[in-house]
PDB file of N, CA and C in Angstrom:
ATOM      1  N   UNK A   1      57.204  21.347 183.129  1.00  0.00           N
ATOM      2  CA  UNK A   1      57.523  22.680 182.713  1.00  0.00           C
ATOM      3  C   UNK A   1      57.479  22.475 181.019  1.00  0.00           C
ATOM      4  N   UNK A   2      56.566  23.261 180.587  1.00  0.00           N
ATOM      5  CA  UNK A   2      56.867  23.439 178.983  1.00  0.00           C
ATOM      6  C   UNK A   2      57.580  24.443 178.632  1.00  0.00           C
ATOM      7  N   UNK A   3      57.931  24.274 177.196  1.00  0.00           N
ATOM      8  CA  UNK A   3      58.913  25.337 176.732  1.00  0.00           C
ATOM      9  C   UNK A   3      57.807  26.038 175.750  1.00  0.00           C
ATOM     10  N   UNK A   4      58.001  27.497 175.763  1.00  0.00           N
ATOM     11  CA  UNK A   4      57.218  28.505 175.141  1.00  0.00           C
ATOM     12  C   UNK A   4      58.065  29.341 174.223  1.00  0.00           C
ATOM     13  N   UNK A   5      57.929  29.321 173.030  1.00  0.00           N
ATOM     14  CA  UNK A   5      58.719  30.489 172.166  1.00  0.00           C
ATOM     15  C   UNK A   5      57.728  31.479 171.994  1.00  0.00           C
ATOM     16  N   UNK A   6      58.049  32.724 172.030  1.00  0.00           N
ATOM     17  CA  UNK A   6      57.210  33.822 171.911  1.00  0.00           C
ATOM     18  C   UNK A   6      58.004  34.502 170.797  1.00  0.00           C
ATOM     19  N   UNK A   7      57.230  34.920 169.775  1.00  0.00           N
ATOM     20  CA  UNK A   7      57.598  35.506 168.530  1.00  0.00           C
ATOM     21  C   UNK A   7      57.052  36.908 168.575  1.00  0.00           C
ATOM     22  N   UNK A   8      57.393  38.019 169.069  1.00  0.00           N
ATOM     23  CA  UNK A   8      56.589  39.153 168.998  1.00  0.00           C
ATOM     24  C   UNK A   8      57.769  40.413 169.093  1.00  0.00           C
ATOM     25  N   UNK A   9      57.473  41.359 167.701  1.00  0.00           N
ATOM     26  CA  UNK A   9      58.380  42.491 167.775  1.00  0.00           C
ATOM     27  C   UNK A   9      58.190  43.499 168.480  1.00  0.00           C
ATOM     28  N   UNK A  10      57.384  43.800 169.319  1.00  0.00           N
ATOM     29  CA  UNK A  10      57.185  44.719 170.331  1.00  0.00           C
ATOM     30  C   UNK A  10      57.593  44.450 171.845  1.00  0.00           C
ATOM     31  N   UNK A  11      58.582  44.856 172.247  1.00  0.00           N
ATOM     32  CA  UNK A  11      59.270  44.286 173.656  1.00  0.00           C
ATOM     33  C   UNK A  11      58.215  44.393 174.575  1.00  0.00           C
ATOM     34  N   UNK A  12      57.359  45.541 174.775  1.00  0.00           N
ATOM     35  CA  UNK A  12      56.219  45.451 175.864  1.00  0.00           C
ATOM     36  C   UNK A  12      55.398  44.278 175.868  1.00  0.00           C
ATOM     37  N   UNK A  13      54.803  44.073 174.684  1.00  0.00           N
ATOM     38  CA  UNK A  13      53.651  42.948 174.547  1.00  0.00           C
ATOM     39  C   UNK A  13      54.567  41.432 174.724  1.00  0.00           C
ATOM     40  N   UNK A  14      55.734  41.402 174.089  1.00  0.00           N
ATOM     41  CA  UNK A  14      56.286  40.207 174.331  1.00  0.00           C
ATOM     42  C   UNK A  14      56.654  39.865 175.653  1.00  0.00           C
ATOM     43  N   UNK A  15      57.170  40.891 176.594  1.00  0.00           N
ATOM     44  CA  UNK A  15      57.366  40.814 178.098  1.00  0.00           C
ATOM     45  C   UNK A  15      56.377  40.640 178.811  1.00  0.00           C
ATOM     46  N   UNK A  16      55.152  41.208 178.601  1.00  0.00           N
ATOM     47  CA  UNK A  16      53.747  40.659 179.099  1.00  0.00           C
ATOM     48  C   UNK A  16      53.520  39.363 178.838  1.00  0.00           C
ATOM     49  N   UNK A  17      53.662  38.701 177.581  1.00  0.00           N
ATOM     50  CA  UNK A  17      53.349  37.615 177.438  1.00  0.00           C
ATOM     51  C   UNK A  17      54.269  36.407 177.933  1.00  0.00           C
ATOM     52  N   UNK A  18      55.668  36.977 178.065  1.00  0.00           N
ATOM     53  CA  UNK A  18      56.701  36.049 178.721  1.00  0.00           C
ATOM     54  C   UNK A  18      56.119  36.044 180.210  1.00  0.00           C
ATOM     55  N   UNK A  19      55.665  37.066 180.794  1.00  0.00           N
ATOM     56  CA  UNK A  19      55.586  37.079 182.480  1.00  0.00           C
ATOM     57  C   UNK A  19      54.285  36.312 182.654  1.00  0.00           C
ATOM     58  N   UNK A  20      53.471  36.328 181.629  1.00  0.00           N
ATOM     59  CA  UNK A  20      52.036  35.455 181.862  1.00  0.00           C
ATOM     60  C   UNK A  20      52.573  34.056 181.694  1.00  0.00           C
ATOM     61  N   UNK A  21      53.477  33.560 181.073  1.00  0.00           N
ATOM     62  CA  UNK A  21      53.962  32.253 180.545  1.00  0.00           C
ATOM     63  C   UNK A  21      54.691  31.775 181.918  1.00  0.00           C
ATOM     64  N   UNK A  22      55.635  32.606 182.331  1.00  0.00           N
ATOM     65  CA  UNK A  22      56.472  32.422 183.347  1.00  0.00           C
ATOM     66  C   UNK A  22      55.589  32.208 184.690  1.00  0.00           C
ATOM     67  N   UNK A  23      54.473  32.807 184.867  1.00  0.00           N
ATOM     68  CA  UNK A  23      53.759  32.762 186.061  1.00  0.00           C
ATOM     69  C   UNK A  23      52.850  31.658 186.127  1.00  0.00           C
ATOM     70  N   UNK A  24      52.558  31.055 184.814  1.00  0.00           N
ATOM     71  CA  UNK A  24      51.908  29.696 184.858  1.00  0.00           C
ATOM     72  C   UNK A  24      52.874  28.502 185.040  1.00  0.00           C
ATOM     73  N   UNK A  25      54.058  28.783 185.340  1.00  0.00           N
ATOM     74  CA  UNK A  25      55.279  27.707 185.312  1.00  0.00           C
ATOM     75  C   UNK A  25      56.078  27.345 184.031  1.00  0.00           C
ATOM     76  N   UNK A  26      55.893  28.146 182.973  1.00  0.00           N
ATOM     77  CA  UNK A  26      56.526  27.643 181.733  1.00  0.00           C
ATOM     78  C   UNK A  26      58.012  28.195 181.549  1.00  0.00           C
ATOM     79  N   UNK A  27      58.653  27.656 180.865  1.00  0.00           N
ATOM     80  CA  UNK A  27      59.916  28.424 180.598  1.00  0.00           C
ATOM     81  C   UNK A  27      59.853  28.953 179.194  1.00  0.00           C
ATOM     82  N   UNK A  28      60.449  29.912 179.063  1.00  0.00           N
ATOM     83  CA  UNK A  28      60.179  30.986 177.687  1.00  0.00           C
ATOM     84  C   UNK A  28      61.500  31.567 177.082  1.00  0.00           C
ATOM     85  N   UNK A  29      61.227  31.608 175.756  1.00  0.00           N
ATOM     86  CA  UNK A  29      62.439  32.047 174.922  1.00  0.00           C
ATOM     87  C   UNK A  29      61.644  33.184 174.122  1.00  0.00           C
ATOM     88  N   UNK A  30      62.097  34.403 173.596  1.00  0.00           N
ATOM     89  CA  UNK A  30      61.667  35.321 172.940  1.00  0.00           C
ATOM     90  C   UNK A  30      62.420  35.642 171.805  1.00  0.00           C
ATOM     91  N   UNK A  31      61.804  35.743 170.587  1.00  0.00           N
ATOM     92  CA  UNK A  31      62.420  36.099 169.226  1.00  0.00           C
ATOM     93  C   UNK A  31      61.490  37.424 168.802  1.00  0.00           C
ATOM     94  N   UNK A  32      62.324  38.363 168.375  1.00  0.00           N
ATOM     95  CA  UNK A  32      61.519  39.415 167.824  1.00  0.00           C
ATOM     96  C   UNK A  32      61.522  39.649 166.326  1.00  0.00           C
ATOM     97  N   UNK A  33      62.065  38.671 165.437  1.00  0.00           N
ATOM     98  CA  UNK A  33      61.919  38.633 164.018  1.00  0.00           C
ATOM     99  C   UNK A  33      61.796  37.267 163.715  1.00  0.00           C
ATOM    100  N   UNK A  34      61.318  37.091 162.283  1.00  0.00           N
ATOM    101  CA  UNK A  34      60.766  35.786 161.839  1.00  0.00           C
ATOM    102  C   UNK A  34      62.274  34.839 161.755  1.00  0.00           C
ATOM    103  N   UNK A  35      63.391  35.353 161.156  1.00  0.00           N
ATOM    104  CA  UNK A  35      64.586  34.713 161.053  1.00  0.00           C
ATOM    105  C   UNK A  35      65.204  33.931 162.380  1.00  0.00           C
ATOM    106  N   UNK A  36      65.007  35.010 163.454  1.00  0.00           N
ATOM    107  CA  UNK A  36      65.439  34.352 164.741  1.00  0.00           C
ATOM    108  C   UNK A  36      64.426  33.622 165.299  1.00  0.00           C
ATOM    109  N   UNK A  37      63.272  33.778 165.023  1.00  0.00           N
ATOM    110  CA  UNK A  37      62.179  32.793 165.337  1.00  0.00           C
ATOM    111  C   UNK A  37      62.505  31.215 164.979  1.00  0.00           C
ATOM    112  N   UNK A  38      62.999  31.114 163.627  1.00  0.00           N
ATOM    113  CA  UNK A  38      63.003  30.136 163.009  1.00  0.00           C
ATOM    114  C   UNK A  38      64.464  29.239 163.518  1.00  0.00           C
ATOM    115  N   UNK A  39      65.453  30.301 163.926  1.00  0.00           N
ATOM    116  CA  UNK A  39      66.757  29.258 164.563  1.00  0.00           C
ATOM    117  C   UNK A  39      66.316  29.237 165.809  1.00  0.00           C
ATOM    118  N   UNK A  40      65.568  29.730 166.723  1.00  0.00           N
ATOM    119  CA  UNK A  40      65.299  29.663 168.185  1.00  0.00           C
ATOM    120  C   UNK A  40      64.226  28.238 168.073  1.00  0.00           C
ATOM    121  N   UNK A  41      63.637  28.142 167.138  1.00  0.00           N
ATOM    122  CA  UNK A  41      62.617  26.922 167.024  1.00  0.00           C
ATOM    123  C   UNK A  41      63.373  25.794 166.855  1.00  0.00           C
ATOM    124  N   UNK A  42      64.256  25.727 166.029  1.00  0.00           N
ATOM    125  CA  UNK A  42      65.222  24.502 165.797  1.00  0.00           C
ATOM    126  C   UNK A  42      66.191  24.296 167.075  1.00  0.00           C
ATOM    127  N   UNK A  43      66.589  25.209 167.790  1.00  0.00           N
ATOM    128  CA  UNK A  43      67.432  24.859 168.864  1.00  0.00           C
ATOM    129  C   UNK A  43      66.571  24.806 170.236  1.00  0.00           C
ATOM    130  N   UNK A  44      65.561  25.256 170.278  1.00  0.00           N
ATOM    131  CA  UNK A  44      64.741  25.215 171.590  1.00  0.00           C
ATOM    132  C   UNK A  44      63.799  24.085 171.648  1.00  0.00           C
ATOM    133  N   UNK A  45      63.318  23.774 170.640  1.00  0.00           N
ATOM    134  CA  UNK A  45      62.326  22.666 170.423  1.00  0.00           C
ATOM    135  C   UNK A  45      61.100  22.959 171.322  1.00  0.00           C
ATOM    136  N   UNK A  46      60.299  24.116 171.137  1.00  0.00           N
ATOM    137  CA  UNK A  46      59.410  24.603 171.976  1.00  0.00           C
ATOM    138  C   UNK A  46      58.126  23.686 171.942  1.00  0.00           C
ATOM    139  N   UNK A  47      57.355  23.523 173.048  1.00  0.00           N
ATOM    140  CA  UNK A  47      56.150  22.960 172.968  1.00  0.00           C
ATOM    141  C   UNK A  47      55.066  23.616 172.666  1.00  0.00           C
ATOM    142  N   UNK A  48      55.149  24.897 172.508  1.00  0.00           N
ATOM    143  CA  UNK A  48      54.144  26.010 172.099  1.00  0.00           C
ATOM    144  C   UNK A  48      54.684  27.167 171.453  1.00  0.00           C
ATOM    145  N   UNK A  49      54.232  27.640 170.333  1.00  0.00           N
ATOM    146  CA  UNK A  49      54.843  28.854 169.947  1.00  0.00           C
ATOM    147  C   UNK A  49      53.648  30.171 169.916  1.00  0.00           C
ATOM    148  N   UNK A  50      53.721  30.883 170.808  1.00  0.00           N
ATOM    149  CA  UNK A  50      52.974  32.457 170.719  1.00  0.00           C
ATOM    150  C   UNK A  50      53.493  33.109 169.422  1.00  0.00           C
ATOM    151  N   UNK A  51      52.833  33.456 168.593  1.00  0.00           N
ATOM    152  CA  UNK A  51      53.279  34.173 167.439  1.00  0.00           C
ATOM    153  C   UNK A  51      52.513  35.308 166.792  1.00  0.00           C
ATOM    154  N   UNK A  52      53.414  36.482 166.759  1.00  0.00           N
ATOM    155  CA  UNK A  52      52.598  37.576 166.158  1.00  0.00           C
ATOM    156  C   UNK A  52      52.647  37.615 164.726  1.00  0.00           C
ATOM    157  N   UNK A  53      51.677  37.869 163.847  1.00  0.00           N
ATOM    158  CA  UNK A  53      51.736  37.733 162.350  1.00  0.00           C
ATOM    159  C   UNK A  53      52.644  38.854 161.698  1.00  0.00           C
ATOM    160  N   UNK A  54      52.521  40.106 162.444  1.00  0.00           N
ATOM    161  CA  UNK A  54      53.291  41.337 161.623  1.00  0.00           C
ATOM    162  C   UNK A  54      54.669  41.333 162.396  1.00  0.00           C
ATOM    163  N   UNK A  55      55.537  40.893 161.562  1.00  0.00           N
ATOM    164  CA  UNK A  55      57.233  40.992 162.293  1.00  0.00           C
ATOM    165  C   UNK A  55      57.860  41.618 161.147  1.00  0.00           C
ATOM    166  N   UNK A  56      58.798  42.275 161.588  1.00  0.00           N
ATOM    167  CA  UNK A  56      59.968  43.046 160.591  1.00  0.00           C
ATOM    168  C   UNK A  56      60.786  42.052 160.063  1.00  0.00           C
ATOM    169  N   UNK A  57      61.424  42.589 158.692  1.00  0.00           N
ATOM    170  CA  UNK A  57      62.285  41.714 158.147  1.00  0.00           C
ATOM    171  C   UNK A  57      61.548  40.885 157.040  1.00  0.00           C
ATOM    172  N   UNK A  58      62.245  39.943 156.562  1.00  0.00           N
ATOM    173  CA  UNK A  58      61.841  39.224 155.504  1.00  0.00           C
ATOM    174  C   UNK A  58      60.645  38.081 155.790  1.00  0.00           C
ATOM    175  N   UNK A  59      60.590  37.885 156.860  1.00  0.00           N
ATOM    176  CA  UNK A  59      59.672  36.655 157.220  1.00  0.00           C
ATOM    177  C   UNK A  59      58.497  37.077 158.320  1.00  0.00           C
ATOM    178  N   UNK A  60      57.448  37.088 157.550  1.00  0.00           N
ATOM    179  CA  UNK A  60      56.111  37.352 158.274  1.00  0.00           C
ATOM    180  C   UNK A  60      55.990  36.009 159.540  1.00  0.00           C
ATOM    181  N   UNK A  61      55.109  36.404 160.421  1.00  0.00           N
ATOM    182  CA  UNK A  61      54.840  35.266 161.322  1.00  0.00           C
ATOM    183  C   UNK A  61      54.163  34.093 160.539  1.00  0.00           C
ATOM    184  N   UNK A  62      53.187  34.612 159.434  1.00  0.00           N
ATOM    185  CA  UNK A  62      52.658  33.282 158.628  1.00  0.00           C
ATOM    186  C   UNK A  62      53.737  32.485 157.993  1.00  0.00           C
ATOM    187  N   UNK A  63      54.634  33.155 157.536  1.00  0.00           N
ATOM    188  CA  UNK A  63      56.002  32.471 156.817  1.00  0.00           C
ATOM    189  C   UNK A  63      56.530  31.495 158.025  1.00  0.00           C
ATOM    190  N   UNK A  64      56.881  32.051 159.231  1.00  0.00           N
ATOM    191  CA  UNK A  64      57.381  31.158 160.191  1.00  0.00           C
ATOM    192  C   UNK A  64      56.568  30.023 160.351  1.00  0.00           C
ATOM    193  N   UNK A  65      54.979  30.081 160.586  1.00  0.00           N
ATOM    194  CA  UNK A  65      54.234  29.058 160.751  1.00  0.00           C
ATOM    195  C   UNK A  65      54.449  28.201 159.451  1.00  0.00           C
ATOM    196  N   UNK A  66      54.472  28.500 158.228  1.00  0.00           N
ATOM    197  CA  UNK A  66      54.442  27.742 157.215  1.00  0.00           C
ATOM    198  C   UNK A  66      56.009  26.848 157.295  1.00  0.00           C
ATOM    199  N   UNK A  67      57.114  27.805 157.383  1.00  0.00           N
ATOM    200  CA  UNK A  67      58.371  26.901 157.414  1.00  0.00           C
ATOM    201  C   UNK A  67      58.526  25.796 158.446  1.00  0.00           C
ATOM    202  N   UNK A  68      57.910  26.173 159.804  1.00  0.00           N
ATOM    203  CA  UNK A  68      57.890  25.067 160.853  1.00  0.00           C
ATOM    204  C   UNK A  68      57.060  23.808 160.412  1.00  0.00           C
ATOM    205  N   UNK A  69      55.928  24.176 159.810  1.00  0.00           N
ATOM    206  CA  UNK A  69      55.336  22.952 159.391  1.00  0.00           C
ATOM    207  C   UNK A  69      55.743  22.033 158.141  1.00  0.00           C
ATOM    208  N   UNK A  70      56.545  23.021 157.343  1.00  0.00           N
ATOM    209  CA  UNK A  70      57.351  22.358 156.160  1.00  0.00           C
ATOM    210  C   UNK A  70      58.570  21.521 156.792  1.00  0.00           C
ATOM    211  N   UNK A  71      59.458  22.525 157.025  1.00  0.00           N
ATOM    212  CA  UNK A  71      60.739  21.924 157.526  1.00  0.00           C
ATOM    213  C   UNK A  71      60.696  20.903 158.711  1.00  0.00           C
ATOM    214  N   UNK A  72      60.024  21.026 159.737  1.00  0.00           N
ATOM    215  CA  UNK A  72      60.300  20.161 160.939  1.00  0.00           C
ATOM    216  C   UNK A  72      59.088  19.014 161.155  1.00  0.00           C
ATOM    217  N   UNK A  73      57.987  19.226 160.102  1.00  0.00           N
ATOM    218  CA  UNK A  73      56.875  18.370 159.962  1.00  0.00           C
ATOM    219  C   UNK A  73      56.276  17.960 161.412  1.00  0.00           C
ATOM    220  N   UNK A  74      56.356  18.966 162.207  1.00  0.00           N
ATOM    221  CA  UNK A  74      55.665  18.770 163.662  1.00  0.00           C
ATOM    222  C   UNK A  74      54.280  19.383 163.653  1.00  0.00           C
ATOM    223  N   UNK A  75      53.606  19.022 164.464  1.00  0.00           N
ATOM    224  CA  UNK A  75      52.332  19.680 164.895  1.00  0.00           C
ATOM    225  C   UNK A  75      52.356  20.401 166.130  1.00  0.00           C
ATOM    226  N   UNK A  76      53.562  21.201 166.224  1.00  0.00           N
ATOM    227  CA  UNK A  76      53.612  22.211 167.307  1.00  0.00           C
ATOM    228  C   UNK A  76      52.346  23.107 167.408  1.00  0.00           C
ATOM    229  N   UNK A  77      51.652  23.255 168.437  1.00  0.00           N
ATOM    230  CA  UNK A  77      50.653  24.095 168.459  1.00  0.00           C
ATOM    231  C   UNK A  77      51.178  25.650 168.666  1.00  0.00           C
ATOM    232  N   UNK A  78      50.490  26.193 167.769  1.00  0.00           N
ATOM    233  CA  UNK A  78      50.646  28.011 167.558  1.00  0.00           C
ATOM    234  C   UNK A  78      49.642  28.693 168.333  1.00  0.00           C
ATOM    235  N   UNK A  79      49.842  29.747 168.870  1.00  0.00           N
ATOM    236  CA  UNK A  79      48.856  30.784 169.582  1.00  0.00           C
ATOM    237  C   UNK A  79      49.021  31.898 168.861  1.00  0.00           C
ATOM    238  N   UNK A  80      48.309  32.374 167.635  1.00  0.00           N
ATOM    239  CA  UNK A  80      48.746  33.544 167.141  1.00  0.00           C
ATOM    240  C   UNK A  80      47.742  34.773 167.732  1.00  0.00           C
ATOM    241  N   UNK A  81      48.535  35.643 168.085  1.00  0.00           N
ATOM    242  CA  UNK A  81      47.967  36.858 168.808  1.00  0.00           C
ATOM    243  C   UNK A  81      48.234  37.955 167.884  1.00  0.00           C
ATOM    244  N   UNK A  82      47.481  38.458 167.107  1.00  0.00           N
ATOM    245  CA  UNK A  82      47.655  39.542 166.007  1.00  0.00           C
ATOM    246  C   UNK A  82      46.676  40.763 166.085  1.00  0.00           C
ATOM    247  N   UNK A  83      47.126  41.730 165.791  1.00  0.00           N
ATOM    248  CA  UNK A  83      46.346  42.971 165.596  1.00  0.00           C
ATOM    249  C   UNK A  83      45.513  43.003 164.211  1.00  0.00           C
ATOM    250  N   UNK A  84      45.952  42.239 163.263  1.00  0.00           N
ATOM    251  CA  UNK A  84      45.427  42.064 161.813  1.00  0.00           C
ATOM    252  C   UNK A  84      43.940  41.419 162.094  1.00  0.00           C
ATOM    253  N   UNK A  85      43.162  41.797 161.161  1.00  0.00           N
ATOM    254  CA  UNK A  85      41.822  41.214 161.542  1.00  0.00           C
ATOM    255  C   UNK A  85      41.935  39.503 161.158  1.00  0.00           C
ATOM    256  N   UNK A  86      41.590  39.140 162.293  1.00  0.00           N
ATOM    257  CA  UNK A  86      41.764  37.555 162.046  1.00  0.00           C
ATOM    258  C   UNK A  86      40.961  36.854 161.006  1.00  0.00           C
ATOM    259  N   UNK A  87      39.824  37.509 160.692  1.00  0.00           N
ATOM    260  CA  UNK A  87      38.924  36.753 159.587  1.00  0.00           C
ATOM    261  C   UNK A  87      39.481  36.942 158.256  1.00  0.00           C
ATOM    262  N   UNK A  88      40.496  37.712 158.062  1.00  0.00           N
ATOM    263  CA  UNK A  88      41.111  37.826 156.631  1.00  0.00           C
ATOM    264  C   UNK A  88      42.019  36.521 156.421  1.00  0.00           C
ATOM    265  N   UNK A  89      42.630  36.013 157.412  1.00  0.00           N
ATOM    266  CA  UNK A  89      43.858  34.755 157.129  1.00  0.00           C
ATOM    267  C   UNK A  89      43.275  33.660 158.137  1.00  0.00           C
ATOM    268  N   UNK A  90      42.099  33.779 158.847  1.00  0.00           N
ATOM    269  CA  UNK A  90      42.132  32.535 159.923  1.00  0.00           C
ATOM    270  C   UNK A  90      41.646  31.289 159.192  1.00  0.00           C
ATOM    271  N   UNK A  91      40.894  31.361 157.881  1.00  0.00           N
ATOM    272  CA  UNK A  91      40.846  30.006 157.094  1.00  0.00           C
ATOM    273  C   UNK A  91      42.009  29.529 156.639  1.00  0.00           C
ATOM    274  N   UNK A  92      42.864  30.229 156.084  1.00  0.00           N
ATOM    275  CA  UNK A  92      44.068  29.779 155.307  1.00  0.00           C
ATOM    276  C   UNK A  92      44.973  29.437 156.351  1.00  0.00           C
ATOM    277  N   UNK A  93      45.223  30.247 157.601  1.00  0.00           N
ATOM    278  CA  UNK A  93      46.242  29.508 158.665  1.00  0.00           C
ATOM    279  C   UNK A  93      45.518  28.315 159.281  1.00  0.00           C
ATOM    280  N   UNK A  94      44.414  28.383 159.561  1.00  0.00           N
ATOM    281  CA  UNK A  94      43.531  27.122 160.265  1.00  0.00           C
ATOM    282  C   UNK A  94      43.827  25.914 159.652  1.00  0.00           C
ATOM    283  N   UNK A  95      44.143  26.157 158.301  1.00  0.00           N
ATOM    284  CA  UNK A  95      44.439  24.567 157.532  1.00  0.00           C
ATOM    285  C   UNK A  95      45.892  24.134 157.683  1.00  0.00           C
ATOM    286  N   UNK A  96      46.652  24.857 158.485  1.00  0.00           N
ATOM    287  CA  UNK A  96      48.076  24.560 158.957  1.00  0.00           C
ATOM    288  C   UNK A  96      48.116  23.848 160.163  1.00  0.00           C
ATOM    289  N   UNK A  97      46.836  23.412 160.690  1.00  0.00           N
ATOM    290  CA  UNK A  97      46.618  22.608 161.899  1.00  0.00           C
ATOM    291  C   UNK A  97      47.306  22.978 163.063  1.00  0.00           C
ATOM    292  N   UNK A  98      46.528  22.777 164.222  1.00  0.00           N
ATOM    293  CA  UNK A  98      46.712  23.008 165.598  1.00  0.00           C
ATOM    294  C   UNK A  98      47.019  24.684 165.811  1.00  0.00           C
ATOM    295  N   UNK A  99      46.478  25.371 165.409  1.00  0.00           N
ATOM    296  CA  UNK A  99      46.580  26.617 165.345  1.00  0.00           C
ATOM    297  C   UNK A  99      45.127  27.449 166.113  1.00  0.00           C
ATOM    298  N   UNK A 100      45.402  28.329 166.926  1.00  0.00           N
ATOM    299  CA  UNK A 100      44.267  29.198 167.512  1.00  0.00           C
ATOM    300  C   UNK A 100      44.729  30.798 167.501  1.00  0.00           C
ATOM    301  N   UNK A 101      43.686  31.585 166.837  1.00  0.00           N
ATOM    302  CA  UNK A 101      44.261  32.844 166.783  1.00  0.00           C
ATOM    303  C   UNK A 101      43.370  34.009 167.595  1.00  0.00           C
ATOM    304  N   UNK A 102      43.875  34.864 168.410  1.00  0.00           N
ATOM    305  CA  UNK A 102      43.399  35.725 169.085  1.00  0.00           C
ATOM    306  C   UNK A 102      43.621  37.109 168.662  1.00  0.00           C
ATOM    307  N   UNK A 103      42.855  37.877 168.868  1.00  0.00           N
ATOM    308  CA  UNK A 103      42.989  39.392 168.403  1.00  0.00           C
ATOM    309  C   UNK A 103      43.567  40.044 169.624  1.00  0.00           C
ATOM    310  N   UNK A 104      44.454  40.952 169.233  1.00  0.00           N
ATOM    311  CA  UNK A 104      45.020  41.913 170.013  1.00  0.00           C
ATOM    312  C   UNK A 104      44.075  43.085 170.010  1.00  0.00           C
ATOM    313  N   UNK A 105      43.721  43.936 171.195  1.00  0.00           N
ATOM    314  CA  UNK A 105      44.325  43.561 172.364  1.00  0.00           C
ATOM    315  C   UNK A 105      43.865  41.985 173.007  1.00  0.00           C
ATOM    316  N   UNK A 106      44.353  41.397 174.012  1.00  0.00           N
ATOM    317  CA  UNK A 106      43.937  40.003 174.322  1.00  0.00           C
ATOM    318  C   UNK A 106      43.756  40.341 175.951  1.00  0.00           C
ATOM    319  N   UNK A 107      42.980  39.371 176.635  1.00  0.00           N
ATOM    320  CA  UNK A 107      42.681  39.633 177.866  1.00  0.00           C
ATOM    321  C   UNK A 107      43.645  38.365 178.540  1.00  0.00           C
ATOM    322  N   UNK A 108      44.238  38.475 179.606  1.00  0.00           N
ATOM    323  CA  UNK A 108      44.999  37.708 180.548  1.00  0.00           C
ATOM    324  C   UNK A 108      44.193  36.140 180.635  1.00  0.00           C
ATOM    325  N   UNK A 109      43.055  36.366 181.088  1.00  0.00           N
ATOM    326  CA  UNK A 109      42.453  35.120 181.150  1.00  0.00           C
ATOM    327  C   UNK A 109      42.398  34.282 179.793  1.00  0.00           C
ATOM    328  N   UNK A 110      41.852  34.997 178.904  1.00  0.00           N
ATOM    329  CA  UNK A 110      41.720  34.225 177.446  1.00  0.00           C
ATOM    330  C   UNK A 110      43.046  33.690 177.128  1.00  0.00           C
ATOM    331  N   UNK A 111      44.267  34.366 177.434  1.00  0.00           N
ATOM    332  CA  UNK A 111      45.568  33.665 176.814  1.00  0.00           C
ATOM    333  C   UNK A 111      45.810  32.927 177.611  1.00  0.00           C
ATOM    334  N   UNK A 112      45.791  32.869 179.098  1.00  0.00           N
ATOM    335  CA  UNK A 112      46.321  31.726 179.925  1.00  0.00           C
ATOM    336  C   UNK A 112      45.184  30.149 179.687  1.00  0.00           C
ATOM    337  N   UNK A 113      44.194  30.515 179.184  1.00  0.00           N
ATOM    338  CA  UNK A 113      43.033  29.455 178.897  1.00  0.00           C
ATOM    339  C   UNK A 113      43.717  28.939 177.767  1.00  0.00           C
ATOM    340  N   UNK A 114      43.976  29.559 176.771  1.00  0.00           N
ATOM    341  CA  UNK A 114      44.207  28.849 175.704  1.00  0.00           C
ATOM    342  C   UNK A 114      45.638  28.114 175.424  1.00  0.00           C
ATOM    343  N   UNK A 115      46.794  28.750 176.357  1.00  0.00           N
ATOM    344  CA  UNK A 115      47.941  28.316 176.504  1.00  0.00           C
ATOM    345  C   UNK A 115      47.804  26.828 177.169  1.00  0.00           C
ATOM    346  N   UNK A 116      46.755  26.696 178.410  1.00  0.00           N
ATOM    347  CA  UNK A 116      46.585  25.587 179.048  1.00  0.00           C
ATOM    348  C   UNK A 116      45.882  24.598 178.031  1.00  0.00           C
ATOM    349  N   UNK A 117      44.933  25.159 177.128  1.00  0.00           N
ATOM    350  CA  UNK A 117      44.285  23.981 176.295  1.00  0.00           C
ATOM    351  C   UNK A 117      45.208  23.372 175.234  1.00  0.00           C
ATOM    352  N   UNK A 118      46.071  24.366 174.468  1.00  0.00           N
ATOM    353  CA  UNK A 118      46.900  23.900 173.774  1.00  0.00           C
ATOM    354  C   UNK A 118      48.044  23.168 174.088  1.00  0.00           C
ATOM    355  N   UNK A 119      48.547  23.345 175.294  1.00  0.00           N
ATOM    356  CA  UNK A 119      49.478  22.359 175.895  1.00  0.00           C
ATOM    357  C   UNK A 119      49.051  21.050 176.620  1.00  0.00           C
ATOM    358  N   UNK A 120      47.695  20.834 176.683  1.00  0.00           N
ATOM    359  CA  UNK A 120      47.130  19.669 177.244  1.00  0.00           C
ATOM    360  C   UNK A 120      47.442  18.507 176.510  1.00  0.00           C
ATOM    361  N   UNK A 121      47.678  18.515 175.108  1.00  0.00           N
ATOM    362  CA  UNK A 121      47.644  17.337 174.401  1.00  0.00           C
ATOM    363  C   UNK A 121      49.333  17.262 174.169  1.00  0.00           C
ATOM    364  N   UNK A 122      50.173  18.035 174.628  1.00  0.00           N
ATOM    365  CA  UNK A 122      51.442  17.890 174.080  1.00  0.00           C
ATOM    366  C   UNK A 122      52.149  16.754 174.848  1.00  0.00           C
ATOM    367  N   UNK A 123      52.946  15.959 174.327  1.00  0.00           N
ATOM    368  CA  UNK A 123      53.469  14.949 175.142  1.00  0.00           C
ATOM    369  C   UNK A 123      54.863  15.316 175.495  1.00  0.00           C
TER     370      UNK A 123
END
């Protein structure tokens, strides 16, 4: 069973993502803000992070990704699911390594396929 941290400020979307992950047999934690996400990342040690880019508070999703890469020096896979135009930030975010960006709204088959793919190489 893999551990997945979902970082999503809209409860309905976060709950749908959590349900999908649990149905796939994964353990799930949810954070609704960037600061909470960083704390949970450190405590939970997820195998995958599902991340929204637009978050309330001082830390955006992009900031969360940057902090994880700098502070924890891990190559944890990130599945970014965002309503923002992926093309605007895709090149910059892709440079951070082991990241896939999906646009909202997402299809269940698409998210499950990417979760499986990104977790395939996690030891």
